[in-house]
Amino acid sequence: MWPDNEQALRLFSRVGTRWVYPAMGGAPLGLRWEAIYPLIDRLNLDAPQWDALHDDLCVMEQAALHTMRQHAPKPA
């Protein structure tokens, strides 16, 4: 892992239970950002660092969603 990605990976690992799921089940729709923003805020980052970490998490969220949708059960 590159040092530049360490903080984003640590935070992404902490938010593993903060996904929004559809009412009828299935692959997640995305992260619950209202639960994640306080975790980012506790890191006391300046504005550019906060934005960079948010951007990194958005990229990780999209990659995770893509993978989860690929492996989700297909409707019969």
PDB file of N, CA and C in Angstrom:
ATOM      1  N   MET A   1       0.838  -1.165   0.000  1.00  0.00           N
ATOM      2  CA  MET A   1       0.000   0.000   0.000  1.00  0.00           C
ATOM      3  C   MET A   1       0.892   1.239   0.000  1.00  0.00           C
ATOM      4  N   TRP A   2       0.510   2.202  -0.804  1.00  0.00           N
ATOM      5  CA  TRP A   2       1.244   3.463  -0.822  1.00  0.00           C
ATOM      6  C   TRP A   2       0.869   4.290   0.398  1.00  0.00           C
ATOM      7  N   PRO A   3       1.829   4.983   0.997  1.00  0.00           N
ATOM      8  CA  PRO A   3       1.551   5.790   2.183  1.00  0.00           C
ATOM      9  C   PRO A   3       0.431   6.812   1.972  1.00  0.00           C
ATOM     10  N   ASP A   4       0.315   7.337   0.764  1.00  0.00           N
ATOM     11  CA  ASP A   4      -0.740   8.317   0.480  1.00  0.00           C
ATOM     12  C   ASP A   4      -2.137   7.730   0.640  1.00  0.00           C
ATOM     13  N   ASN A   5      -2.254   6.406   0.555  1.00  0.00           N
ATOM     14  CA  ASN A   5      -3.569   5.757   0.632  1.00  0.00           C
ATOM     15  C   ASN A   5      -3.884   5.190   2.011  1.00  0.00           C
ATOM     16  N   GLU A   6      -2.936   5.241   2.914  1.00  0.00           N
ATOM     17  CA  GLU A   6      -3.104   4.590   4.214  1.00  0.00           C
ATOM     18  C   GLU A   6      -4.288   5.135   5.001  1.00  0.00           C
ATOM     19  N   GLN A   7      -4.424   6.440   5.083  1.00  0.00           N
ATOM     20  CA  GLN A   7      -5.509   7.026   5.866  1.00  0.00           C
ATOM     21  C   GLN A   7      -6.874   6.653   5.271  1.00  0.00           C
ATOM     22  N   ALA A   8      -6.998   6.716   3.959  1.00  0.00           N
ATOM     23  CA  ALA A   8      -8.269   6.365   3.314  1.00  0.00           C
ATOM     24  C   ALA A   8      -8.600   4.895   3.541  1.00  0.00           C
ATOM     25  N   LEU A   9      -7.631   4.028   3.445  1.00  0.00           N
ATOM     26  CA  LEU A   9      -7.871   2.602   3.654  1.00  0.00           C
ATOM     27  C   LEU A   9      -8.273   2.318   5.095  1.00  0.00           C
ATOM     28  N   ARG A  10      -7.603   2.952   6.043  1.00  0.00           N
ATOM     29  CA  ARG A  10      -7.971   2.753   7.458  1.00  0.00           C
ATOM     30  C   ARG A  10      -9.409   3.200   7.709  1.00  0.00           C
ATOM     31  N   LEU A  11      -9.776   4.364   7.178  1.00  0.00           N
ATOM     32  CA  LEU A  11     -11.135   4.861   7.383  1.00  0.00           C
ATOM     33  C   LEU A  11     -12.145   3.969   6.665  1.00  0.00           C
ATOM     34  N   PHE A  12     -11.851   3.562   5.439  1.00  0.00           N
ATOM     35  CA  PHE A  12     -12.758   2.697   4.690  1.00  0.00           C
ATOM     36  C   PHE A  12     -12.980   1.384   5.447  1.00  0.00           C
ATOM     37  N   SER A  13     -11.956   0.874   6.082  1.00  0.00           N
ATOM     38  CA  SER A  13     -12.083  -0.353   6.870  1.00  0.00           C
ATOM     39  C   SER A  13     -13.004  -0.147   8.063  1.00  0.00           C
ATOM     40  N   ARG A  14     -13.024   1.037   8.616  1.00  0.00           N
ATOM     41  CA  ARG A  14     -13.878   1.342   9.770  1.00  0.00           C
ATOM     42  C   ARG A  14     -15.346   1.501   9.404  1.00  0.00           C
ATOM     43  N   VAL A  15     -15.647   1.792   8.157  1.00  0.00           N
ATOM     44  CA  VAL A  15     -17.033   2.076   7.764  1.00  0.00           C
ATOM     45  C   VAL A  15     -17.716   0.866   7.142  1.00  0.00           C
ATOM     46  N   GLY A  16     -17.195  -0.312   7.384  1.00  0.00           N
ATOM     47  CA  GLY A  16     -17.718  -1.527   6.776  1.00  0.00           C
ATOM     48  C   GLY A  16     -19.180  -1.807   7.053  1.00  0.00           C
ATOM     49  N   THR A  17     -19.728  -1.277   8.138  1.00  0.00           N
ATOM     50  CA  THR A  17     -21.139  -1.522   8.473  1.00  0.00           C
ATOM     51  C   THR A  17     -22.033  -0.347   8.094  1.00  0.00           C
ATOM     52  N   ARG A  18     -21.503   0.618   7.402  1.00  0.00           N
ATOM     53  CA  ARG A  18     -22.262   1.836   7.106  1.00  0.00           C
ATOM     54  C   ARG A  18     -22.652   1.920   5.629  1.00  0.00           C
ATOM     55  N   TRP A  19     -23.336   0.887   5.173  1.00  0.00           N
ATOM     56  CA  TRP A  19     -23.817   0.835   3.796  1.00  0.00           C
ATOM     57  C   TRP A  19     -25.328   0.964   3.788  1.00  0.00           C
ATOM     58  N   VAL A  20     -25.867   1.577   2.740  1.00  0.00           N
ATOM     59  CA  VAL A  20     -27.305   1.667   2.526  1.00  0.00           C
ATOM     60  C   VAL A  20     -27.709   0.493   1.642  1.00  0.00           C
ATOM     61  N   TYR A  21     -28.700  -0.284   2.105  1.00  0.00           N
ATOM     62  CA  TYR A  21     -29.196  -1.424   1.339  1.00  0.00           C
ATOM     63  C   TYR A  21     -30.620  -1.160   0.869  1.00  0.00           C
ATOM     64  N   PRO A  22     -31.015  -1.698  -0.278  1.00  0.00           N
ATOM     65  CA  PRO A  22     -32.391  -1.551  -0.731  1.00  0.00           C
ATOM     66  C   PRO A  22     -33.351  -2.241   0.238  1.00  0.00           C
ATOM     67  N   ALA A  23     -34.565  -1.757   0.289  1.00  0.00           N
ATOM     68  CA  ALA A  23     -35.566  -2.292   1.220  1.00  0.00           C
ATOM     69  C   ALA A  23     -35.823  -3.779   1.014  1.00  0.00           C
ATOM     70  N   MET A  24     -35.752  -4.244  -0.212  1.00  0.00           N
ATOM     71  CA  MET A  24     -36.041  -5.650  -0.503  1.00  0.00           C
ATOM     72  C   MET A  24     -34.770  -6.491  -0.574  1.00  0.00           C
ATOM     73  N   GLY A  25     -33.661  -5.962  -0.114  1.00  0.00           N
ATOM     74  CA  GLY A  25     -32.402  -6.695  -0.118  1.00  0.00           C
ATOM     75  C   GLY A  25     -31.643  -6.503  -1.414  1.00  0.00           C
ATOM     76  N   GLY A  26     -30.493  -7.082  -1.480  1.00  0.00           N
ATOM     77  CA  GLY A  26     -29.652  -6.964  -2.662  1.00  0.00           C
ATOM     78  C   GLY A  26     -28.350  -6.266  -2.344  1.00  0.00           C
ATOM     79  N   ALA A  27     -27.654  -5.896  -3.391  1.00  0.00           N
ATOM     80  CA  ALA A  27     -26.359  -5.223  -3.243  1.00  0.00           C
ATOM     81  C   ALA A  27     -26.560  -3.821  -2.665  1.00  0.00           C
ATOM     82  N   PRO A  28     -25.596  -3.341  -1.907  1.00  0.00           N
ATOM     83  CA  PRO A  28     -25.706  -1.990  -1.340  1.00  0.00           C
ATOM     84  C   PRO A  28     -25.859  -0.926  -2.422  1.00  0.00           C
ATOM     85  N   LEU A  29     -26.467   0.185  -2.020  1.00  0.00           N
ATOM     86  CA  LEU A  29     -26.649   1.327  -2.918  1.00  0.00           C
ATOM     87  C   LEU A  29     -25.519   2.337  -2.784  1.00  0.00           C
ATOM     88  N   GLY A  30     -24.853   2.333  -1.651  1.00  0.00           N
ATOM     89  CA  GLY A  30     -23.769   3.282  -1.400  1.00  0.00           C
ATOM     90  C   GLY A  30     -23.517   3.387   0.089  1.00  0.00           C
ATOM     91  N   LEU A  31     -22.570   4.201   0.440  1.00  0.00           N
ATOM     92  CA  LEU A  31     -22.246   4.426   1.844  1.00  0.00           C
ATOM     93  C   LEU A  31     -23.218   5.420   2.473  1.00  0.00           C
ATOM     94  N   ARG A  32     -23.408   5.302   3.767  1.00  0.00           N
ATOM     95  CA  ARG A  32     -24.207   6.264   4.530  1.00  0.00           C
ATOM     96  C   ARG A  32     -23.278   7.404   4.940  1.00  0.00           C
ATOM     97  N   TRP A  33     -23.188   8.386   4.069  1.00  0.00           N
ATOM     98  CA  TRP A  33     -22.233   9.468   4.290  1.00  0.00           C
ATOM     99  C   TRP A  33     -22.533  10.266   5.549  1.00  0.00           C
ATOM    100  N   GLU A  34     -23.782  10.336   5.952  1.00  0.00           N
ATOM    101  CA  GLU A  34     -24.105  11.075   7.176  1.00  0.00           C
ATOM    102  C   GLU A  34     -23.483  10.414   8.403  1.00  0.00           C
ATOM    103  N   ALA A  35     -23.153   9.136   8.303  1.00  0.00           N
ATOM    104  CA  ALA A  35     -22.477   8.435   9.391  1.00  0.00           C
ATOM    105  C   ALA A  35     -20.959   8.524   9.258  1.00  0.00           C
ATOM    106  N   ILE A  36     -20.483   8.832   8.070  1.00  0.00           N
ATOM    107  CA  ILE A  36     -19.036   8.857   7.821  1.00  0.00           C
ATOM    108  C   ILE A  36     -18.446  10.250   8.029  1.00  0.00           C
ATOM    109  N   TYR A  37     -19.207  11.289   7.691  1.00  0.00           N
ATOM    110  CA  TYR A  37     -18.670  12.642   7.840  1.00  0.00           C
ATOM    111  C   TYR A  37     -18.175  12.932   9.258  1.00  0.00           C
ATOM    112  N   PRO A  38     -18.889  12.520  10.318  1.00  0.00           N
ATOM    113  CA  PRO A  38     -18.340  12.772  11.664  1.00  0.00           C
ATOM    114  C   PRO A  38     -17.000  12.068  11.900  1.00  0.00           C
ATOM    115  N   LEU A  39     -16.820  10.887  11.314  1.00  0.00           N
ATOM    116  CA  LEU A  39     -15.537  10.195  11.465  1.00  0.00           C
ATOM    117  C   LEU A  39     -14.419  10.965  10.779  1.00  0.00           C
ATOM    118  N   ILE A  40     -14.708  11.519   9.610  1.00  0.00           N
ATOM    119  CA  ILE A  40     -13.707  12.332   8.916  1.00  0.00           C
ATOM    120  C   ILE A  40     -13.414  13.597   9.723  1.00  0.00           C
ATOM    121  N   ASP A  41     -14.480  14.222  10.239  1.00  0.00           N
ATOM    122  CA  ASP A  41     -14.301  15.459  11.000  1.00  0.00           C
ATOM    123  C   ASP A  41     -13.417  15.256  12.230  1.00  0.00           C
ATOM    124  N   ARG A  42     -13.488  14.082  12.850  1.00  0.00           N
ATOM    125  CA  ARG A  42     -12.689  13.810  14.051  1.00  0.00           C
ATOM    126  C   ARG A  42     -11.196  13.736  13.754  1.00  0.00           C
ATOM    127  N   LEU A  43     -10.836  13.649  12.477  1.00  0.00           N
ATOM    128  CA  LEU A  43      -9.420  13.580  12.114  1.00  0.00           C
ATOM    129  C   LEU A  43      -8.751  14.956  12.118  1.00  0.00           C
ATOM    130  N   ASN A  44      -9.550  16.020  12.283  1.00  0.00           N
ATOM    131  CA  ASN A  44      -9.026  17.391  12.356  1.00  0.00           C
ATOM    132  C   ASN A  44      -8.128  17.740  11.170  1.00  0.00           C
ATOM    133  N   LEU A  45      -8.617  17.469   9.990  1.00  0.00           N
ATOM    134  CA  LEU A  45      -7.868  17.772   8.766  1.00  0.00           C
ATOM    135  C   LEU A  45      -8.155  19.192   8.317  1.00  0.00           C
ATOM    136  N   ASP A  46      -7.220  19.776   7.577  1.00  0.00           N
ATOM    137  CA  ASP A  46      -7.536  21.061   6.965  1.00  0.00           C
ATOM    138  C   ASP A  46      -8.421  20.782   5.741  1.00  0.00           C
ATOM    139  N   ALA A  47      -8.961  21.832   5.155  1.00  0.00           N
ATOM    140  CA  ALA A  47      -9.941  21.667   4.074  1.00  0.00           C
ATOM    141  C   ALA A  47      -9.410  20.853   2.887  1.00  0.00           C
ATOM    142  N   PRO A  48      -8.216  21.129   2.377  1.00  0.00           N
ATOM    143  CA  PRO A  48      -7.726  20.315   1.260  1.00  0.00           C
ATOM    144  C   PRO A  48      -7.523  18.838   1.630  1.00  0.00           C
ATOM    145  N   GLN A  49      -7.048  18.567   2.836  1.00  0.00           N
ATOM    146  CA  GLN A  49      -6.873  17.175   3.271  1.00  0.00           C
ATOM    147  C   GLN A  49      -8.225  16.478   3.412  1.00  0.00           C
ATOM    148  N   TRP A  50      -9.215  17.194   3.970  1.00  0.00           N
ATOM    149  CA  TRP A  50     -10.562  16.647   4.139  1.00  0.00           C
ATOM    150  C   TRP A  50     -11.131  16.294   2.773  1.00  0.00           C
ATOM    151  N   ASP A  51     -11.021  17.221   1.819  1.00  0.00           N
ATOM    152  CA  ASP A  51     -11.537  16.982   0.466  1.00  0.00           C
ATOM    153  C   ASP A  51     -10.829  15.808  -0.204  1.00  0.00           C
ATOM    154  N   ALA A  52      -9.524  15.712  -0.021  1.00  0.00           N
ATOM    155  CA  ALA A  52      -8.765  14.615  -0.632  1.00  0.00           C
ATOM    156  C   ALA A  52      -9.188  13.272  -0.047  1.00  0.00           C
ATOM    157  N   LEU A  53      -9.374  13.210   1.269  1.00  0.00           N
ATOM    158  CA  LEU A  53      -9.809  11.967   1.898  1.00  0.00           C
ATOM    159  C   LEU A  53     -11.217  11.599   1.436  1.00  0.00           C
ATOM    160  N   HIS A  54     -12.095  12.578   1.362  1.00  0.00           N
ATOM    161  CA  HIS A  54     -13.459  12.332   0.865  1.00  0.00           C
ATOM    162  C   HIS A  54     -13.410  11.790  -0.564  1.00  0.00           C
ATOM    163  N   ASP A  55     -12.609  12.407  -1.406  1.00  0.00           N
ATOM    164  CA  ASP A  55     -12.478  11.942  -2.792  1.00  0.00           C
ATOM    165  C   ASP A  55     -11.954  10.511  -2.848  1.00  0.00           C
ATOM    166  N   ASP A  56     -10.974  10.204  -2.015  1.00  0.00           N
ATOM    167  CA  ASP A  56     -10.429   8.842  -1.979  1.00  0.00           C
ATOM    168  C   ASP A  56     -11.501   7.843  -1.565  1.00  0.00           C
ATOM    169  N   LEU A  57     -12.298   8.197  -0.563  1.00  0.00           N
ATOM    170  CA  LEU A  57     -13.364   7.298  -0.118  1.00  0.00           C
ATOM    171  C   LEU A  57     -14.424   7.114  -1.199  1.00  0.00           C
ATOM    172  N   CYS A  58     -14.715   8.168  -1.949  1.00  0.00           N
ATOM    173  CA  CYS A  58     -15.683   8.059  -3.049  1.00  0.00           C
ATOM    174  C   CYS A  58     -15.196   7.061  -4.103  1.00  0.00           C
ATOM    175  N   VAL A  59     -13.915   7.107  -4.421  1.00  0.00           N
ATOM    176  CA  VAL A  59     -13.341   6.163  -5.391  1.00  0.00           C
ATOM    177  C   VAL A  59     -13.445   4.741  -4.846  1.00  0.00           C
ATOM    178  N   MET A  60     -13.125   4.567  -3.567  1.00  0.00           N
ATOM    179  CA  MET A  60     -13.191   3.242  -2.961  1.00  0.00           C
ATOM    180  C   MET A  60     -14.627   2.740  -2.898  1.00  0.00           C
ATOM    181  N   GLU A  61     -15.559   3.649  -2.601  1.00  0.00           N
ATOM    182  CA  GLU A  61     -16.976   3.273  -2.575  1.00  0.00           C
ATOM    183  C   GLU A  61     -17.423   2.762  -3.943  1.00  0.00           C
ATOM    184  N   GLN A  62     -17.078   3.477  -4.998  1.00  0.00           N
ATOM    185  CA  GLN A  62     -17.490   3.066  -6.342  1.00  0.00           C
ATOM    186  C   GLN A  62     -16.886   1.721  -6.726  1.00  0.00           C
ATOM    187  N   ALA A  63     -15.635   1.510  -6.395  1.00  0.00           N
ATOM    188  CA  ALA A  63     -14.992   0.227  -6.700  1.00  0.00           C
ATOM    189  C   ALA A  63     -15.648  -0.906  -5.909  1.00  0.00           C
ATOM    190  N   ALA A  64     -15.946  -0.655  -4.639  1.00  0.00           N
ATOM    191  CA  ALA A  64     -16.593  -1.679  -3.816  1.00  0.00           C
ATOM    192  C   ALA A  64     -17.994  -1.981  -4.336  1.00  0.00           C
ATOM    193  N   LEU A  65     -18.736  -0.955  -4.702  1.00  0.00           N
ATOM    194  CA  LEU A  65     -20.085  -1.169  -5.244  1.00  0.00           C
ATOM    195  C   LEU A  65     -20.033  -1.999  -6.519  1.00  0.00           C
ATOM    196  N   HIS A  66     -19.100  -1.694  -7.382  1.00  0.00           N
ATOM    197  CA  HIS A  66     -18.950  -2.444  -8.628  1.00  0.00           C
ATOM    198  C   HIS A  66     -18.711  -3.925  -8.328  1.00  0.00           C
ATOM    199  N   THR A  67     -17.807  -4.195  -7.402  1.00  0.00           N
ATOM    200  CA  THR A  67     -17.485  -5.579  -7.044  1.00  0.00           C
ATOM    201  C   THR A  67     -18.673  -6.271  -6.393  1.00  0.00           C
ATOM    202  N   MET A  68     -19.347  -5.595  -5.470  1.00  0.00           N
ATOM    203  CA  MET A  68     -20.492  -6.210  -4.792  1.00  0.00           C
ATOM    204  C   MET A  68     -21.622  -6.500  -5.770  1.00  0.00           C
ATOM    205  N   ARG A  69     -21.837  -5.612  -6.733  1.00  0.00           N
ATOM    206  CA  ARG A  69     -22.898  -5.847  -7.716  1.00  0.00           C
ATOM    207  C   ARG A  69     -22.538  -7.003  -8.642  1.00  0.00           C
ATOM    208  N   GLN A  70     -21.273  -7.134  -8.961  1.00  0.00           N
ATOM    209  CA  GLN A  70     -20.844  -8.253  -9.809  1.00  0.00           C
ATOM    210  C   GLN A  70     -21.106  -9.584  -9.129  1.00  0.00           C
ATOM    211  N   HIS A  71     -20.956  -9.633  -7.818  1.00  0.00           N
ATOM    212  CA  HIS A  71     -21.068 -10.884  -7.072  1.00  0.00           C
ATOM    213  C   HIS A  71     -22.421 -11.063  -6.382  1.00  0.00           C
ATOM    214  N   ALA A  72     -23.329 -10.119  -6.565  1.00  0.00           N
ATOM    215  CA  ALA A  72     -24.653 -10.234  -5.963  1.00  0.00           C
ATOM    216  C   ALA A  72     -25.454 -11.322  -6.677  1.00  0.00           C
ATOM    217  N   PRO A  73     -26.322 -12.006  -5.934  1.00  0.00           N
ATOM    218  CA  PRO A  73     -27.189 -13.001  -6.579  1.00  0.00           C
ATOM    219  C   PRO A  73     -28.026 -12.347  -7.676  1.00  0.00           C
ATOM    220  N   LYS A  74     -28.159 -13.038  -8.775  1.00  0.00           N
ATOM    221  CA  LYS A  74     -28.943 -12.526  -9.897  1.00  0.00           C
ATOM    222  C   LYS A  74     -30.404 -12.930  -9.720  1.00  0.00           C
ATOM    223  N   PRO A  75     -31.340 -12.049 -10.102  1.00  0.00           N
ATOM    224  CA  PRO A  75     -32.766 -12.396  -9.983  1.00  0.00           C
ATOM    225  C   PRO A  75     -33.082 -13.610 -10.872  1.00  0.00           C
ATOM    226  N   ALA A  76     -33.980 -14.420 -10.383  1.00  0.00           N
ATOM    227  CA  ALA A  76     -34.363 -15.628 -11.137  1.00  0.00           C
ATOM    228  C   ALA A  76     -35.294 -15.320 -12.283  1.00  0.00           C
TER     229      ALA A  76
END
